[in-house]
């Protein structure tokens, strides 16, 4: 445990940020999983769930929780999987 007051404060801040980042990453993954699940099921709310998934990915990239290039890669991968799902259903 740190003895310096500024380091004690820094440890508290890091823990709060770690938990916040973990929650955001978890929500992002959940939104992507829901979007893919709805697309595979052929649900009519697929467009809305995809929009929410992309929004969460963009927000995580903008806030620095994931790198901006990683956010772009995740969106591209999501769209590619959705396109292949819709092609298989057609």
Protein backbone atom coordinates (compact mmCIF):
# COMPACT_ATOMS: atom_id res chain seq x y z
CA UNK A 1 0.00 0.00 0.00
CA UNK A 2 1.29 3.45 -0.87
CA UNK A 3 2.34 5.89 1.85
CA UNK A 4 2.18 9.03 -0.27
CA UNK A 5 -1.17 10.83 -0.18
CA UNK A 6 -1.19 11.64 -3.88
CA UNK A 7 -0.51 8.00 -4.71
CA UNK A 8 -3.33 6.86 -2.43
CA UNK A 9 -5.67 9.21 -4.26
CA UNK A 10 -4.34 8.04 -7.63
CA UNK A 11 -5.06 4.42 -6.64
CA UNK A 12 -8.64 5.32 -5.72
CA UNK A 13 -9.13 7.14 -9.04
CA UNK A 14 -7.68 4.24 -11.01
CA UNK A 15 -10.02 1.78 -9.33
CA UNK A 16 -13.09 3.90 -10.10
CA UNK A 17 -12.00 4.27 -13.72
CA UNK A 18 -11.25 0.56 -14.05
CA UNK A 19 -14.75 -0.35 -12.89
CA UNK A 20 -16.34 2.23 -15.20
CA UNK A 21 -14.31 1.01 -18.19
CA UNK A 22 -15.22 -2.60 -17.37
CA UNK A 23 -18.93 -1.72 -17.34
CA UNK A 24 -18.70 0.12 -20.66
CA UNK A 25 -16.81 -2.73 -22.33
CA UNK A 26 -19.32 -5.24 -21.02
CA UNK A 27 -22.29 -3.22 -22.28
CA UNK A 28 -20.62 -2.78 -25.67
CA UNK A 29 -20.10 -6.54 -26.04
CA UNK A 30 -23.68 -7.22 -24.91
CA UNK A 31 -25.12 -4.79 -27.47
CA UNK A 32 -23.10 -6.43 -30.26
CA UNK A 33 -24.20 -9.89 -29.15
CA UNK A 34 -27.86 -8.78 -29.06
CA UNK A 35 -27.60 -7.24 -32.54
CA UNK A 36 -26.12 -10.43 -33.98
CA UNK A 37 -28.69 -12.59 -32.22
CA UNK A 38 -31.58 -10.54 -33.55
CA UNK A 39 -30.11 -10.56 -37.05
CA UNK A 40 -29.80 -14.35 -37.00
CA UNK A 41 -33.37 -14.69 -35.72
CA UNK A 42 -34.63 -12.33 -38.43
CA UNK A 43 -36.19 -9.98 -35.88
CA UNK A 44 -37.66 -6.69 -37.09
CA UNK A 45 -35.84 -4.69 -34.38
CA UNK A 46 -32.46 -5.64 -35.86
CA UNK A 47 -31.83 -2.18 -37.32
CA UNK A 48 -32.43 -0.51 -33.97
CA UNK A 49 -30.20 -2.94 -32.07
CA UNK A 50 -27.41 -2.52 -34.64
CA UNK A 51 -27.70 1.25 -34.30
CA UNK A 52 -27.37 0.97 -30.51
CA UNK A 53 -24.38 -1.37 -30.82
CA UNK A 54 -22.59 1.01 -33.20
CA UNK A 55 -23.41 3.92 -30.90
CA UNK A 56 -21.84 2.16 -27.90
CA UNK A 57 -18.74 1.22 -29.90
CA UNK A 58 -18.34 4.82 -31.09
CA UNK A 59 -18.81 6.17 -27.59
CA UNK A 60 -16.22 3.80 -26.13
CA UNK A 61 -13.77 4.86 -28.85
CA UNK A 62 -14.44 8.55 -28.27
CA UNK A 63 -13.97 8.24 -24.49
CA UNK A 64 -10.70 6.33 -24.88
CA UNK A 65 -11.99 3.12 -23.33
CA UNK A 66 -10.95 1.37 -26.52
CA UNK A 67 -8.69 2.83 -29.19
CA UNK A 68 -10.40 4.70 -32.04
CA UNK A 69 -8.96 2.28 -34.61
CA UNK A 70 -10.20 -0.65 -32.52
CA UNK A 71 -13.68 0.91 -32.50
CA UNK A 72 -13.54 1.21 -36.27
CA UNK A 73 -12.39 -2.39 -36.62
CA UNK A 74 -15.19 -3.63 -34.36
CA UNK A 75 -17.81 -1.74 -36.35
CA UNK A 76 -16.44 -3.10 -39.64
CA UNK A 77 -16.41 -6.65 -38.27
CA UNK A 78 -19.99 -6.25 -37.01
CA UNK A 79 -21.23 -4.94 -40.36
CA UNK A 80 -19.43 -7.71 -42.22
CA UNK A 81 -21.05 -10.38 -40.04
CA UNK A 82 -24.48 -8.78 -40.45
CA UNK A 83 -24.04 -8.69 -44.21
CA UNK A 84 -23.11 -12.37 -44.30
CA UNK A 85 -26.11 -13.25 -42.09
CA UNK A 86 -28.51 -11.32 -44.33
CA UNK A 87 -26.96 -12.93 -47.44
CA UNK A 88 -27.46 -16.40 -45.95
CA UNK A 89 -31.09 -15.64 -45.14
CA UNK A 90 -31.84 -14.39 -48.64
